[in-house]
Amino acid sequence: MATEKTIATNRQAYHNYDLLETYECGAVLTGTEVKSIRQGRIQLKDAYAIIRNGEAWLVNAHISPYPHGGRLNHDPTRTRKLLLHKSEIMRLMGKVQEKGLTLIPTRCYLKNGRVKFEIALARGRKLHDKREAARRKAIERETQAILKEYRR
């Protein structure tokens, strides 16, 4: 049975984008990056993924330097290679070339001791779409509160 422990989520992605599909992928990391991620020192807020030369890359994910790393530490915002199957990369490459679609990391987690990223194929929301989503969420919350009160 696979055990998962979520390290970081990109909450802003759920607000700014409509997530269409999600993929699980690994990443090529150094030892100090893995130790820093295990301490929860990763930020996915401004991160995105690109596909270049048939390979997927994670850009702008900030992994803080490991405190005990010394000279072996890594560059916090370096571009990191994502590990996906070739068929998935080709499928994503075709989708990303469509107008308005992008790849966004939504979550970083540990699965059986290995660091995994969840990337999502996403379409950006306009301001009125964000307002509509917030309105729907508020109505849902009120409905749940009323139902909870009614059950008592």
N, C-alpha and C. Protein backbone atom coordinates (compact mmCIF):
# COMPACT_ATOMS: atom_id res chain seq x y z
N MET A 1 0.84 -1.18 0.00
CA MET A 1 0.00 0.00 0.00
C MET A 1 0.88 1.24 0.00
N ALA A 2 0.58 2.18 -0.89
CA ALA A 2 1.39 3.39 -1.01
C ALA A 2 1.00 4.40 0.07
N THR A 3 2.01 4.88 0.78
CA THR A 3 1.75 5.91 1.79
C THR A 3 2.19 7.24 1.22
N GLU A 4 1.33 8.23 1.37
CA GLU A 4 1.62 9.56 0.87
C GLU A 4 1.58 10.57 1.99
N LYS A 5 2.54 11.50 1.96
CA LYS A 5 2.57 12.59 2.91
C LYS A 5 2.76 13.88 2.11
N THR A 6 1.76 14.74 2.13
CA THR A 6 1.83 15.98 1.37
C THR A 6 2.79 16.95 2.05
N ILE A 7 3.72 17.48 1.28
CA ILE A 7 4.72 18.42 1.77
C ILE A 7 4.26 19.85 1.49
N ALA A 8 3.85 20.13 0.24
CA ALA A 8 3.45 21.48 -0.14
C ALA A 8 2.35 21.41 -1.20
N THR A 9 1.44 22.37 -1.15
CA THR A 9 0.40 22.48 -2.17
C THR A 9 0.45 23.89 -2.76
N ASN A 10 0.04 23.99 -4.00
CA ASN A 10 -0.01 25.27 -4.68
C ASN A 10 -1.46 25.73 -4.66
N ARG A 11 -1.86 26.36 -3.55
CA ARG A 11 -3.25 26.75 -3.36
C ARG A 11 -3.66 27.82 -4.37
N GLN A 12 -2.71 28.63 -4.80
CA GLN A 12 -3.02 29.69 -5.75
C GLN A 12 -3.42 29.11 -7.12
N ALA A 13 -2.91 27.94 -7.44
CA ALA A 13 -3.24 27.31 -8.72
C ALA A 13 -4.73 26.98 -8.80
N TYR A 14 -5.31 26.54 -7.68
CA TYR A 14 -6.73 26.19 -7.68
C TYR A 14 -7.60 27.43 -7.86
N HIS A 15 -7.09 28.59 -7.51
CA HIS A 15 -7.83 29.84 -7.65
C HIS A 15 -7.66 30.45 -9.04
N ASN A 16 -6.44 30.40 -9.58
CA ASN A 16 -6.14 31.09 -10.84
C ASN A 16 -6.37 30.25 -12.09
N TYR A 17 -6.53 28.94 -11.95
CA TYR A 17 -6.62 28.06 -13.11
C TYR A 17 -7.76 27.07 -12.96
N ASP A 18 -8.29 26.63 -14.11
CA ASP A 18 -9.19 25.48 -14.17
C ASP A 18 -8.30 24.29 -14.47
N LEU A 19 -8.24 23.33 -13.55
CA LEU A 19 -7.36 22.17 -13.72
C LEU A 19 -8.10 21.09 -14.51
N LEU A 20 -7.53 20.69 -15.64
CA LEU A 20 -8.18 19.75 -16.52
C LEU A 20 -7.74 18.31 -16.27
N GLU A 21 -6.42 18.06 -16.20
CA GLU A 21 -5.89 16.72 -15.98
C GLU A 21 -4.71 16.83 -15.02
N THR A 22 -4.47 15.79 -14.24
CA THR A 22 -3.30 15.78 -13.36
C THR A 22 -2.43 14.57 -13.66
N TYR A 23 -1.13 14.74 -13.46
CA TYR A 23 -0.14 13.70 -13.68
C TYR A 23 0.80 13.64 -12.48
N GLU A 24 1.23 12.42 -12.14
CA GLU A 24 2.22 12.24 -11.09
C GLU A 24 3.58 12.05 -11.76
N CYS A 25 4.59 12.75 -11.24
CA CYS A 25 5.92 12.61 -11.81
C CYS A 25 6.98 12.76 -10.73
N GLY A 26 8.11 12.17 -10.97
CA GLY A 26 9.26 12.33 -10.10
C GLY A 26 10.09 13.50 -10.60
N ALA A 27 11.22 13.74 -9.94
CA ALA A 27 12.11 14.83 -10.36
C ALA A 27 13.55 14.43 -10.08
N VAL A 28 14.46 14.97 -10.88
CA VAL A 28 15.88 14.74 -10.66
C VAL A 28 16.33 15.79 -9.66
N LEU A 29 16.66 15.35 -8.43
CA LEU A 29 17.02 16.26 -7.34
C LEU A 29 18.38 15.89 -6.76
N THR A 30 19.02 16.87 -6.13
CA THR A 30 20.26 16.58 -5.41
C THR A 30 19.91 16.17 -3.98
N GLY A 31 20.89 15.67 -3.25
CA GLY A 31 20.65 15.21 -1.89
C GLY A 31 20.19 16.31 -0.96
N THR A 32 20.79 17.51 -1.07
CA THR A 32 20.39 18.60 -0.18
C THR A 32 18.98 19.08 -0.50
N GLU A 33 18.56 18.97 -1.77
CA GLU A 33 17.19 19.35 -2.13
C GLU A 33 16.20 18.41 -1.48
N VAL A 34 16.49 17.12 -1.50
CA VAL A 34 15.58 16.13 -0.91
C VAL A 34 15.47 16.36 0.59
N LYS A 35 16.59 16.61 1.26
CA LYS A 35 16.56 16.85 2.70
C LYS A 35 15.77 18.11 3.02
N SER A 36 15.93 19.14 2.21
CA SER A 36 15.20 20.38 2.43
C SER A 36 13.70 20.19 2.20
N ILE A 37 13.34 19.42 1.17
CA ILE A 37 11.93 19.15 0.89
C ILE A 37 11.30 18.37 2.03
N ARG A 38 12.03 17.39 2.58
CA ARG A 38 11.51 16.60 3.70
C ARG A 38 11.21 17.49 4.91
N GLN A 39 11.94 18.61 5.04
CA GLN A 39 11.68 19.56 6.13
C GLN A 39 10.54 20.52 5.78
N GLY A 40 9.99 20.41 4.56
CA GLY A 40 8.87 21.25 4.15
C GLY A 40 9.29 22.61 3.64
N ARG A 41 10.52 22.74 3.20
CA ARG A 41 11.05 24.04 2.77
C ARG A 41 10.99 24.17 1.25
N ILE A 42 9.80 23.99 0.69
CA ILE A 42 9.60 24.14 -0.75
C ILE A 42 8.39 25.03 -0.98
N GLN A 43 8.46 25.84 -2.04
CA GLN A 43 7.37 26.75 -2.38
C GLN A 43 7.06 26.60 -3.87
N LEU A 44 5.81 26.31 -4.19
CA LEU A 44 5.38 26.09 -5.57
C LEU A 44 4.57 27.26 -6.13
N LYS A 45 4.51 28.36 -5.41
CA LYS A 45 3.62 29.47 -5.76
C LYS A 45 3.81 29.98 -7.19
N ASP A 46 5.02 30.28 -7.60
CA ASP A 46 5.27 30.85 -8.93
C ASP A 46 5.81 29.82 -9.91
N ALA A 47 5.74 28.56 -9.57
CA ALA A 47 6.34 27.51 -10.40
C ALA A 47 5.44 27.13 -11.56
N TYR A 48 6.06 26.64 -12.62
CA TYR A 48 5.35 26.10 -13.77
C TYR A 48 6.25 25.07 -14.44
N ALA A 49 5.69 24.29 -15.33
CA ALA A 49 6.45 23.27 -16.04
C ALA A 49 6.44 23.58 -17.53
N ILE A 50 7.56 23.25 -18.18
CA ILE A 50 7.65 23.43 -19.63
C ILE A 50 8.14 22.13 -20.24
N ILE A 51 7.91 21.99 -21.53
CA ILE A 51 8.42 20.83 -22.26
C ILE A 51 9.37 21.36 -23.32
N ARG A 52 10.64 20.94 -23.21
CA ARG A 52 11.68 21.41 -24.11
C ARG A 52 12.50 20.20 -24.56
N ASN A 53 12.68 20.04 -25.86
CA ASN A 53 13.47 18.95 -26.44
C ASN A 53 12.99 17.57 -25.99
N GLY A 54 11.69 17.39 -25.87
CA GLY A 54 11.14 16.10 -25.49
C GLY A 54 11.31 15.75 -24.02
N GLU A 55 11.64 16.75 -23.19
CA GLU A 55 11.80 16.54 -21.75
C GLU A 55 10.96 17.56 -21.00
N ALA A 56 10.45 17.18 -19.84
CA ALA A 56 9.65 18.08 -19.02
C ALA A 56 10.57 18.71 -17.96
N TRP A 57 10.40 19.99 -17.71
CA TRP A 57 11.23 20.73 -16.76
C TRP A 57 10.36 21.53 -15.81
N LEU A 58 10.74 21.55 -14.55
CA LEU A 58 10.06 22.33 -13.51
C LEU A 58 10.83 23.63 -13.32
N VAL A 59 10.17 24.75 -13.52
CA VAL A 59 10.81 26.06 -13.49
C VAL A 59 10.27 26.87 -12.31
N ASN A 60 11.14 27.58 -11.62
CA ASN A 60 10.80 28.53 -10.54
C ASN A 60 10.27 27.89 -9.27
N ALA A 61 10.42 26.61 -9.08
CA ALA A 61 10.05 26.02 -7.79
C ALA A 61 11.18 26.36 -6.82
N HIS A 62 10.85 26.99 -5.71
CA HIS A 62 11.87 27.44 -4.76
C HIS A 62 12.04 26.40 -3.66
N ILE A 63 13.21 25.78 -3.63
CA ILE A 63 13.57 24.85 -2.57
C ILE A 63 14.69 25.52 -1.78
N SER A 64 14.41 25.88 -0.54
CA SER A 64 15.38 26.59 0.29
C SER A 64 16.64 25.76 0.49
N PRO A 65 17.80 26.41 0.61
CA PRO A 65 19.04 25.66 0.86
C PRO A 65 18.95 24.90 2.18
N TYR A 66 19.54 23.72 2.20
CA TYR A 66 19.56 22.89 3.39
C TYR A 66 20.50 23.54 4.41
N PRO A 67 20.05 23.73 5.67
CA PRO A 67 20.87 24.47 6.65
C PRO A 67 22.25 23.85 6.91
N HIS A 68 22.35 22.52 6.83
CA HIS A 68 23.63 21.87 7.12
C HIS A 68 24.35 21.44 5.84
N GLY A 69 23.98 22.04 4.71
CA GLY A 69 24.54 21.63 3.42
C GLY A 69 25.93 22.16 3.16
N GLY A 70 26.25 23.32 3.69
CA GLY A 70 27.56 23.91 3.46
C GLY A 70 27.80 24.20 1.99
N ARG A 71 28.96 23.84 1.51
CA ARG A 71 29.31 24.13 0.11
C ARG A 71 28.60 23.20 -0.88
N LEU A 72 27.98 22.15 -0.39
CA LEU A 72 27.28 21.20 -1.26
C LEU A 72 25.85 21.65 -1.57
N ASN A 73 25.44 22.81 -1.08
CA ASN A 73 24.07 23.27 -1.28
C ASN A 73 23.78 23.57 -2.74
N HIS A 74 22.52 23.64 -3.06
CA HIS A 74 22.01 23.83 -4.41
C HIS A 74 21.53 25.26 -4.63
N ASP A 75 21.30 25.62 -5.88
CA ASP A 75 20.68 26.89 -6.23
C ASP A 75 19.18 26.76 -5.96
N PRO A 76 18.58 27.65 -5.16
CA PRO A 76 17.18 27.47 -4.74
C PRO A 76 16.16 27.42 -5.88
N THR A 77 16.37 28.16 -6.96
CA THR A 77 15.35 28.21 -8.02
C THR A 77 15.84 27.60 -9.33
N ARG A 78 16.74 26.66 -9.27
CA ARG A 78 17.25 26.08 -10.51
C ARG A 78 16.15 25.29 -11.22
N THR A 79 16.30 25.10 -12.51
CA THR A 79 15.36 24.33 -13.29
C THR A 79 15.63 22.85 -13.07
N ARG A 80 14.58 22.08 -12.76
CA ARG A 80 14.72 20.67 -12.43
C ARG A 80 13.98 19.80 -13.44
N LYS A 81 14.59 18.70 -13.82
CA LYS A 81 13.98 17.80 -14.80
C LYS A 81 12.90 16.96 -14.14
N LEU A 82 11.75 16.86 -14.79
CA LEU A 82 10.65 16.03 -14.31
C LEU A 82 10.68 14.69 -15.03
N LEU A 83 10.36 13.64 -14.31
CA LEU A 83 10.42 12.29 -14.86
C LEU A 83 9.01 11.80 -15.20
N LEU A 84 8.71 11.78 -16.48
CA LEU A 84 7.42 11.31 -17.00
C LEU A 84 7.69 10.29 -18.10
N HIS A 85 6.70 9.47 -18.41
CA HIS A 85 6.81 8.55 -19.54
C HIS A 85 6.80 9.34 -20.84
N LYS A 86 7.47 8.82 -21.85
CA LYS A 86 7.57 9.51 -23.14
C LYS A 86 6.19 9.77 -23.74
N SER A 87 5.28 8.80 -23.60
CA SER A 87 3.94 8.98 -24.16
C SER A 87 3.21 10.13 -23.46
N GLU A 88 3.41 10.26 -22.14
CA GLU A 88 2.79 11.37 -21.41
C GLU A 88 3.37 12.71 -21.85
N ILE A 89 4.68 12.75 -22.07
CA ILE A 89 5.32 13.99 -22.50
C ILE A 89 4.79 14.39 -23.88
N MET A 90 4.68 13.45 -24.79
CA MET A 90 4.18 13.75 -26.13
C MET A 90 2.72 14.22 -26.08
N ARG A 91 1.93 13.60 -25.24
CA ARG A 91 0.52 14.00 -25.08
C ARG A 91 0.44 15.42 -24.53
N LEU A 92 1.25 15.70 -23.50
CA LEU A 92 1.25 17.04 -22.91
C LEU A 92 1.77 18.08 -23.89
N MET A 93 2.78 17.72 -24.68
CA MET A 93 3.33 18.66 -25.65
C MET A 93 2.25 19.11 -26.63
N GLY A 94 1.42 18.16 -27.08
CA GLY A 94 0.33 18.51 -27.98
C GLY A 94 -0.71 19.39 -27.31
N LYS A 95 -1.02 19.09 -26.05
CA LYS A 95 -2.03 19.86 -25.32
C LYS A 95 -1.55 21.28 -25.01
N VAL A 96 -0.27 21.41 -24.64
CA VAL A 96 0.26 22.73 -24.25
C VAL A 96 0.30 23.68 -25.44
N GLN A 97 0.45 23.13 -26.64
CA GLN A 97 0.48 23.99 -27.82
C GLN A 97 -0.89 24.57 -28.15
N GLU A 98 -1.94 24.00 -27.55
CA GLU A 98 -3.27 24.59 -27.70
C GLU A 98 -3.29 25.95 -27.01
N LYS A 99 -4.18 26.81 -27.45
CA LYS A 99 -4.23 28.16 -26.89
C LYS A 99 -4.68 28.15 -25.43
N GLY A 100 -3.90 28.77 -24.57
CA GLY A 100 -4.31 28.99 -23.19
C GLY A 100 -4.04 27.87 -22.21
N LEU A 101 -3.41 26.77 -22.63
CA LEU A 101 -3.14 25.68 -21.70
C LEU A 101 -1.69 25.74 -21.21
N THR A 102 -1.49 25.40 -19.95
CA THR A 102 -0.17 25.42 -19.35
C THR A 102 -0.05 24.28 -18.34
N LEU A 103 1.17 24.01 -17.90
CA LEU A 103 1.42 22.98 -16.90
C LEU A 103 1.79 23.64 -15.59
N ILE A 104 1.07 23.31 -14.53
CA ILE A 104 1.26 23.92 -13.22
C ILE A 104 1.47 22.81 -12.18
N PRO A 105 2.52 22.92 -11.33
CA PRO A 105 2.63 21.96 -10.24
C PRO A 105 1.62 22.30 -9.15
N THR A 106 0.82 21.32 -8.75
CA THR A 106 -0.21 21.59 -7.76
C THR A 106 0.15 21.07 -6.38
N ARG A 107 1.06 20.08 -6.33
CA ARG A 107 1.35 19.45 -5.05
C ARG A 107 2.72 18.80 -5.10
N CYS A 108 3.40 18.79 -3.96
CA CYS A 108 4.64 18.06 -3.77
C CYS A 108 4.42 17.14 -2.57
N TYR A 109 4.77 15.87 -2.72
CA TYR A 109 4.50 14.93 -1.65
C TYR A 109 5.53 13.81 -1.65
N LEU A 110 5.58 13.08 -0.55
CA LEU A 110 6.42 11.90 -0.43
C LEU A 110 5.56 10.67 -0.63
N LYS A 111 6.00 9.76 -1.50
CA LYS A 111 5.28 8.52 -1.75
C LYS A 111 6.30 7.39 -1.63
N ASN A 112 6.12 6.57 -0.62
CA ASN A 112 7.06 5.49 -0.32
C ASN A 112 8.49 5.99 -0.19
N GLY A 113 8.66 7.16 0.42
CA GLY A 113 9.98 7.71 0.66
C GLY A 113 10.57 8.48 -0.50
N ARG A 114 9.86 8.59 -1.60
CA ARG A 114 10.37 9.31 -2.77
C ARG A 114 9.58 10.60 -2.98
N VAL A 115 10.28 11.64 -3.44
CA VAL A 115 9.64 12.93 -3.68
C VAL A 115 8.92 12.87 -5.02
N LYS A 116 7.64 13.20 -5.02
CA LYS A 116 6.83 13.22 -6.23
C LYS A 116 6.17 14.59 -6.37
N PHE A 117 5.91 14.97 -7.62
CA PHE A 117 5.19 16.19 -7.91
C PHE A 117 3.92 15.83 -8.67
N GLU A 118 2.86 16.57 -8.40
CA GLU A 118 1.62 16.42 -9.16
C GLU A 118 1.53 17.66 -10.03
N ILE A 119 1.56 17.46 -11.35
CA ILE A 119 1.42 18.59 -12.26
C ILE A 119 0.06 18.49 -12.93
N ALA A 120 -0.50 19.64 -13.23
CA ALA A 120 -1.84 19.68 -13.82
C ALA A 120 -1.82 20.46 -15.12
N LEU A 121 -2.55 19.97 -16.08
CA LEU A 121 -2.79 20.68 -17.31
C LEU A 121 -3.91 21.67 -16.99
N ALA A 122 -3.63 22.97 -17.17
CA ALA A 122 -4.56 23.98 -16.67
C ALA A 122 -4.83 25.07 -17.70
N ARG A 123 -6.00 25.66 -17.56
CA ARG A 123 -6.38 26.81 -18.38
C ARG A 123 -6.61 27.98 -17.44
N GLY A 124 -6.03 29.13 -17.74
CA GLY A 124 -6.13 30.31 -16.88
C GLY A 124 -7.55 30.84 -16.79
N ARG A 125 -7.89 31.32 -15.61
CA ARG A 125 -9.22 31.91 -15.41
C ARG A 125 -9.15 33.42 -15.58
N LYS A 126 -10.23 33.97 -16.09
CA LYS A 126 -10.38 35.42 -16.16
C LYS A 126 -10.92 35.90 -14.81
N LEU A 127 -10.90 37.20 -14.58
CA LEU A 127 -11.34 37.77 -13.31
C LEU A 127 -12.78 37.41 -13.00
N HIS A 128 -13.67 37.49 -14.00
CA HIS A 128 -15.08 37.17 -13.74
C HIS A 128 -15.26 35.69 -13.42
N ASP A 129 -14.42 34.83 -13.98
CA ASP A 129 -14.49 33.40 -13.66
C ASP A 129 -14.09 33.16 -12.21
N LYS A 130 -13.08 33.90 -11.74
CA LYS A 130 -12.63 33.76 -10.35
C LYS A 130 -13.74 34.20 -9.39
N ARG A 131 -14.43 35.28 -9.76
CA ARG A 131 -15.53 35.77 -8.91
C ARG A 131 -16.66 34.74 -8.87
N GLU A 132 -16.96 34.15 -10.02
CA GLU A 132 -18.02 33.15 -10.09
C GLU A 132 -17.67 31.92 -9.26
N ALA A 133 -16.42 31.50 -9.31
CA ALA A 133 -15.98 30.33 -8.53
C ALA A 133 -16.07 30.64 -7.04
N ALA A 134 -15.69 31.84 -6.63
CA ALA A 134 -15.77 32.23 -5.22
C ALA A 134 -17.23 32.28 -4.77
N ARG A 135 -18.10 32.77 -5.63
CA ARG A 135 -19.52 32.84 -5.32
C ARG A 135 -20.10 31.43 -5.14
N ARG A 136 -19.76 30.50 -6.05
CA ARG A 136 -20.24 29.13 -5.94
C ARG A 136 -19.74 28.46 -4.67
N LYS A 137 -18.48 28.73 -4.32
CA LYS A 137 -17.90 28.14 -3.12
C LYS A 137 -18.61 28.66 -1.87
N ALA A 138 -18.94 29.96 -1.85
CA ALA A 138 -19.64 30.55 -0.70
C ALA A 138 -21.05 29.96 -0.56
N ILE A 139 -21.74 29.79 -1.68
CA ILE A 139 -23.08 29.21 -1.65
C ILE A 139 -23.03 27.77 -1.15
N GLU A 140 -22.04 27.02 -1.63
CA GLU A 140 -21.87 25.62 -1.18
C GLU A 140 -21.62 25.55 0.33
N ARG A 141 -20.77 26.45 0.83
CA ARG A 141 -20.46 26.49 2.27
C ARG A 141 -21.71 26.80 3.09
N GLU A 142 -22.50 27.78 2.63
CA GLU A 142 -23.74 28.13 3.34
C GLU A 142 -24.73 26.97 3.33
N THR A 143 -24.83 26.29 2.19
CA THR A 143 -25.73 25.15 2.08
C THR A 143 -25.33 24.04 3.05
N GLN A 144 -24.04 23.76 3.12
CA GLN A 144 -23.55 22.73 4.04
C GLN A 144 -23.82 23.11 5.50
N ALA A 145 -23.67 24.40 5.82
CA ALA A 145 -23.94 24.85 7.19
C ALA A 145 -25.43 24.69 7.53
N ILE A 146 -26.30 25.01 6.59
CA ILE A 146 -27.74 24.87 6.80
C ILE A 146 -28.11 23.40 6.99
N LEU A 147 -27.55 22.53 6.14
CA LEU A 147 -27.82 21.10 6.26
C LEU A 147 -27.31 20.55 7.59
N LYS A 148 -26.18 20.99 8.02
CA LYS A 148 -25.62 20.54 9.30
C LYS A 148 -26.53 20.97 10.44
N GLU A 149 -27.01 22.21 10.39
CA GLU A 149 -27.91 22.72 11.44
C GLU A 149 -29.24 21.98 11.42
N TYR A 150 -29.73 21.63 10.22
CA TYR A 150 -31.00 20.95 10.07
C TYR A 150 -30.94 19.53 10.66
N ARG A 151 -29.80 18.86 10.52
CA ARG A 151 -29.64 17.49 11.01
C ARG A 151 -29.63 17.41 12.52
N ARG A 152 -29.37 18.48 13.21
CA ARG A 152 -29.29 18.47 14.67
C ARG A 152 -30.61 18.29 15.29
